Amino acid sequence: MKKYTLILLLVLTSINIGLFAQNNGYLGKRVLFNMDVKTTPTFTAPTYFGSYDVVSFDFTLSPNIECIIYKKGIAGLAFNYLSTQYQYDHHILPIQFYGGGIFYKQYLNKSTDYYQAPFGVYTAFRFDYYKFSCKTPSYNDYTGTMFGFRVEIGVDYLVWNRVRISWGLSIGSTNKGVLSTLDFFDYSSSSLESAVESRLATNYLFQNKIGIGILLF
């Protein structure tokens, strides 16, 4: 995981350095730190608190760093962490997902608008890497990895030229997990691997994000 994070950081740093002479950011500042919380409907899967209600949600924490690369564009790196539960063979077991991602945000402002990065209406494209760790009915650890890609639309509000409040809705898909067959809602799958992967796939499908950030330097 550290290797992937280092590679993503080097890529983002190279982009930022290469475009430094072309853009001074907003009020001379280019870097933001954000803390995002993503809520996801769990459908009929158990949540971290053991709820099966249709209106139950998972909560994913996602601290991230963004760099303004030009007037309408931002590139960033994010960390994701989710702790919840999954169902397998009539057992309710704990599971954690954690990993990193790289993303790009394009602001949908006209050239004559006052709004510019890092605030305004935007679309974002994101690639995520996840590792999961969970307990099995025999209490052995089971781990694995997954990848995901998501598209988001949202809006960023800047307050006092330093604090930013964000909201966004997104849809995504992973490289594993059952999403298109009749057992989409079957969390008691006969396959442990399928149960775990489908749990993340359903969590990754729809996300509602709220966040707060600060324009650092």
Protein backbone atom coordinates (compact mmCIF):
# COMPACT_ATOMS: atom_id res chain seq x y z
CA MET A 1 0.00 0.00 0.00
CA LYS A 2 2.87 2.37 0.84
CA LYS A 3 4.36 1.73 -2.60
CA TYR A 4 1.12 2.72 -4.38
CA THR A 5 0.75 5.82 -2.20
CA LEU A 6 4.32 6.91 -2.95
CA ILE A 7 3.82 6.45 -6.70
CA LEU A 8 0.59 8.49 -6.66
CA LEU A 9 2.26 11.21 -4.61
CA LEU A 10 5.18 11.43 -7.06
CA VAL A 11 2.78 11.69 -10.02
CA LEU A 12 0.79 14.46 -8.36
CA THR A 13 3.95 16.33 -7.34
CA SER A 14 5.29 16.16 -10.91
CA ILE A 15 2.04 17.59 -12.29
CA ASN A 16 2.02 20.33 -9.70
CA ILE A 17 5.63 21.37 -10.33
CA GLY A 18 5.21 21.28 -14.09
CA LEU A 19 2.25 23.63 -13.99
CA PHE A 20 3.49 25.97 -11.26
CA ALA A 21 4.60 28.68 -13.65
CA GLN A 22 1.21 28.68 -15.38
CA ASN A 23 -0.97 29.22 -12.32
CA ASN A 24 -0.64 30.86 -8.91
CA GLY A 25 -3.75 29.20 -7.50
CA TYR A 26 -6.47 31.08 -5.67
CA LEU A 27 -5.15 34.19 -3.88
CA GLY A 28 -1.69 32.74 -4.32
CA LYS A 29 -2.59 29.44 -2.60
CA ARG A 30 -2.67 26.09 -4.35
CA VAL A 31 -2.98 23.29 -1.77
CA LEU A 32 -6.05 22.21 0.23
CA PHE A 33 -6.51 19.64 2.97
CA ASN A 34 -10.01 18.14 3.30
CA MET A 35 -11.88 15.74 5.53
CA ASP A 36 -14.76 14.07 3.70
CA VAL A 37 -17.42 11.73 5.07
CA LYS A 38 -19.27 9.53 2.58
CA THR A 39 -22.61 7.92 3.39
CA THR A 40 -23.80 4.88 1.48
CA PRO A 41 -27.12 3.00 1.72
CA THR A 42 -26.51 -0.59 2.82
CA PHE A 43 -29.78 -1.96 1.38
CA THR A 44 -30.24 -5.20 3.40
CA ALA A 45 -26.63 -5.66 4.52
CA PRO A 46 -25.66 -5.20 8.19
CA THR A 47 -24.05 -1.89 9.14
CA TYR A 48 -21.25 -1.27 11.63
CA PHE A 49 -23.95 -0.97 14.30
CA GLY A 50 -25.72 -4.15 13.19
CA SER A 51 -28.74 -2.42 11.63
CA TYR A 52 -30.60 -4.07 8.74
CA ASP A 53 -33.05 -1.23 8.14
CA VAL A 54 -33.54 -0.13 4.53
CA VAL A 55 -32.56 3.42 5.51
CA SER A 56 -29.31 2.30 7.18
CA PHE A 57 -25.98 3.69 6.01
CA ASP A 58 -22.25 2.98 5.98
CA PHE A 59 -19.86 5.83 6.76
CA THR A 60 -16.51 6.10 4.96
CA LEU A 61 -13.84 8.53 6.19
CA SER A 62 -11.74 10.07 3.43
CA PRO A 63 -9.06 12.66 4.30
CA ASN A 64 -7.47 14.04 1.13
CA ILE A 65 -5.11 16.62 -0.32
CA GLU A 66 -5.86 18.66 -3.45
CA CYS A 67 -3.64 20.81 -5.64
CA ILE A 68 -4.93 23.50 -8.00
CA ILE A 69 -3.29 22.82 -11.35
CA TYR A 70 -5.08 25.51 -13.34
CA LYS A 71 -8.08 27.84 -13.10
CA LYS A 72 -10.69 25.10 -13.62
CA GLY A 73 -8.85 21.98 -12.55
CA ILE A 74 -7.71 20.22 -9.37
CA ALA A 75 -5.82 16.94 -8.90
CA GLY A 76 -5.71 15.11 -5.59
CA LEU A 77 -4.83 12.13 -3.44
CA ALA A 78 -7.20 10.53 -0.90
CA PHE A 79 -7.19 7.92 1.84
CA ASN A 80 -10.36 5.87 2.50
CA TYR A 81 -11.41 3.89 5.56
CA LEU A 82 -14.63 1.98 6.20
CA SER A 83 -15.48 -0.30 9.13
CA THR A 84 -18.71 -2.27 8.86
CA GLN A 85 -20.08 -5.84 8.85
CA TYR A 86 -21.00 -8.49 6.30
CA GLN A 87 -23.14 -11.62 6.33
CA TYR A 88 -21.82 -15.04 5.42
CA ASP A 89 -23.35 -18.44 6.10
CA HIS A 90 -25.78 -16.94 8.64
CA HIS A 91 -22.91 -15.26 10.52
CA ILE A 92 -22.52 -11.49 10.97
CA LEU A 93 -18.82 -10.66 10.87
CA PRO A 94 -16.70 -7.47 11.07
CA ILE A 95 -14.90 -6.14 8.01
CA GLN A 96 -12.65 -3.18 7.27
CA PHE A 97 -11.86 -1.58 3.92
CA TYR A 98 -8.97 0.84 3.55
CA GLY A 99 -6.90 2.21 0.71
CA GLY A 100 -6.03 5.22 -1.41
CA GLY A 101 -7.17 6.97 -4.54
CA ILE A 102 -6.22 9.58 -7.10
CA PHE A 103 -8.77 11.97 -8.59
CA TYR A 104 -9.28 14.92 -10.90
CA LYS A 105 -11.95 17.65 -10.50
CA GLN A 106 -13.10 19.80 -13.42
CA TYR A 107 -15.04 22.94 -12.48
CA LEU A 108 -17.94 23.74 -14.79
CA ASN A 109 -17.60 27.51 -14.73
CA LYS A 110 -17.60 29.83 -17.73
CA SER A 111 -14.44 31.79 -18.42
CA THR A 112 -16.30 34.98 -17.47
CA ASP A 113 -17.48 33.62 -14.09
CA TYR A 114 -16.05 34.87 -10.84
CA TYR A 115 -15.96 31.28 -9.61
CA GLN A 116 -12.80 29.29 -10.18
CA ALA A 117 -10.94 26.38 -8.58
CA PRO A 118 -11.26 25.56 -5.72
CA PHE A 119 -14.96 26.51 -5.59
CA GLY A 120 -18.01 26.16 -7.80
CA VAL A 121 -19.90 23.30 -9.47
CA TYR A 122 -17.65 20.42 -10.55
CA THR A 123 -17.41 16.92 -11.95
CA ALA A 124 -14.79 14.52 -10.61
CA PHE A 125 -13.25 11.29 -11.83
CA ARG A 126 -11.59 8.98 -9.36
CA PHE A 127 -9.59 5.74 -9.32
CA ASP A 128 -9.42 3.87 -5.98
CA TYR A 129 -7.41 0.98 -4.60
CA TYR A 130 -8.88 -0.93 -1.63
CA LYS A 131 -7.61 -3.61 0.67
CA PHE A 132 -10.07 -5.48 2.89
CA SER A 133 -9.54 -7.40 6.09
CA CYS A 134 -12.23 -9.44 7.83
CA LYS A 135 -12.95 -12.32 10.16
CA THR A 136 -14.38 -15.63 8.95
CA PRO A 137 -16.75 -17.95 10.88
CA SER A 138 -13.64 -19.85 12.02
CA TYR A 139 -12.19 -16.52 13.25
CA ASN A 140 -9.33 -16.63 10.78
CA ASP A 141 -8.32 -13.42 9.01
CA TYR A 142 -9.23 -13.10 5.34
CA THR A 143 -7.72 -10.34 3.19
CA GLY A 144 -7.76 -9.22 -0.43
CA THR A 145 -7.65 -6.23 -2.77
CA MET A 146 -10.05 -4.47 -5.13
CA PHE A 147 -10.04 -1.53 -7.54
CA GLY A 148 -12.79 0.95 -8.26
CA PHE A 149 -13.65 3.85 -10.56
CA ARG A 150 -16.26 6.50 -9.80
CA VAL A 151 -17.77 9.66 -11.26
CA GLU A 152 -18.98 12.49 -9.03
CA ILE A 153 -20.85 15.74 -9.45
CA GLY A 154 -20.95 18.31 -6.67
CA VAL A 155 -20.35 21.84 -5.50
CA ASP A 156 -17.64 23.51 -3.39
CA TYR A 157 -18.32 26.63 -1.32
CA LEU A 158 -15.44 28.80 -0.13
CA VAL A 159 -15.92 30.75 3.12
CA TRP A 160 -13.63 33.59 4.29
CA ASN A 161 -11.32 32.80 1.34
CA ARG A 162 -9.84 29.94 3.36
CA VAL A 163 -12.46 27.38 4.54
CA ARG A 164 -14.24 25.20 1.98
CA ILE A 165 -17.48 23.24 2.41
CA SER A 166 -18.22 20.49 -0.12
CA TRP A 167 -21.15 18.32 -1.17
CA GLY A 168 -21.26 15.69 -3.90
CA LEU A 169 -23.10 12.67 -5.27
CA SER A 170 -21.32 9.87 -7.08
CA ILE A 171 -21.69 6.45 -8.65
CA GLY A 172 -18.95 3.86 -9.01
CA SER A 173 -18.07 0.32 -9.95
CA THR A 174 -15.43 -2.14 -8.76
CA ASN A 175 -13.49 -4.80 -10.62
CA LYS A 176 -15.03 -7.50 -8.41
CA GLY A 177 -18.34 -8.20 -6.74
CA VAL A 178 -21.82 -9.15 -7.90
CA LEU A 179 -23.89 -6.20 -9.10
CA SER A 180 -25.76 -7.38 -12.17
CA THR A 181 -27.26 -10.75 -11.13
CA LEU A 182 -30.29 -11.77 -9.10
CA ASP A 183 -28.24 -12.32 -5.92
CA PHE A 184 -27.40 -8.60 -5.71
CA PHE A 185 -29.09 -8.51 -2.31
CA ASP A 186 -27.99 -11.97 -1.19
CA TYR A 187 -25.39 -11.41 1.52
CA SER A 188 -25.47 -15.02 2.69
CA SER A 189 -23.56 -16.18 -0.39
CA SER A 190 -22.11 -19.70 -0.40
CA SER A 191 -18.77 -18.19 -1.35
CA LEU A 192 -16.88 -16.19 1.30
CA GLU A 193 -14.97 -14.32 -1.41
CA SER A 194 -18.20 -13.40 -3.19
CA ALA A 195 -19.85 -12.22 0.05
CA VAL A 196 -16.95 -9.91 0.93
CA GLU A 197 -16.43 -8.52 -2.57
CA SER A 198 -20.16 -7.91 -3.08
CA ARG A 199 -20.24 -6.07 0.26
CA LEU A 200 -17.69 -3.52 -0.97
CA ALA A 201 -19.22 -3.39 -4.45
CA THR A 202 -22.61 -2.38 -3.06
CA ASN A 203 -20.99 0.16 -0.75
CA TYR A 204 -19.10 1.64 -3.68
CA LEU A 205 -22.14 1.90 -5.96
CA PHE A 206 -23.77 5.10 -4.56
CA GLN A 207 -22.14 7.65 -2.27
CA ASN A 208 -23.25 10.97 -0.82
CA LYS A 209 -20.30 13.09 0.29
CA ILE A 210 -20.05 16.03 2.66
CA GLY A 211 -16.73 17.60 3.55
CA ILE A 212 -14.86 20.48 5.03
CA GLY A 213 -11.42 21.68 4.03
CA ILE A 214 -8.89 24.45 4.41
CA LEU A 215 -6.81 26.28 1.81
CA LEU A 216 -3.33 25.85 3.26
CA PHE A 217 -0.72 27.46 1.01
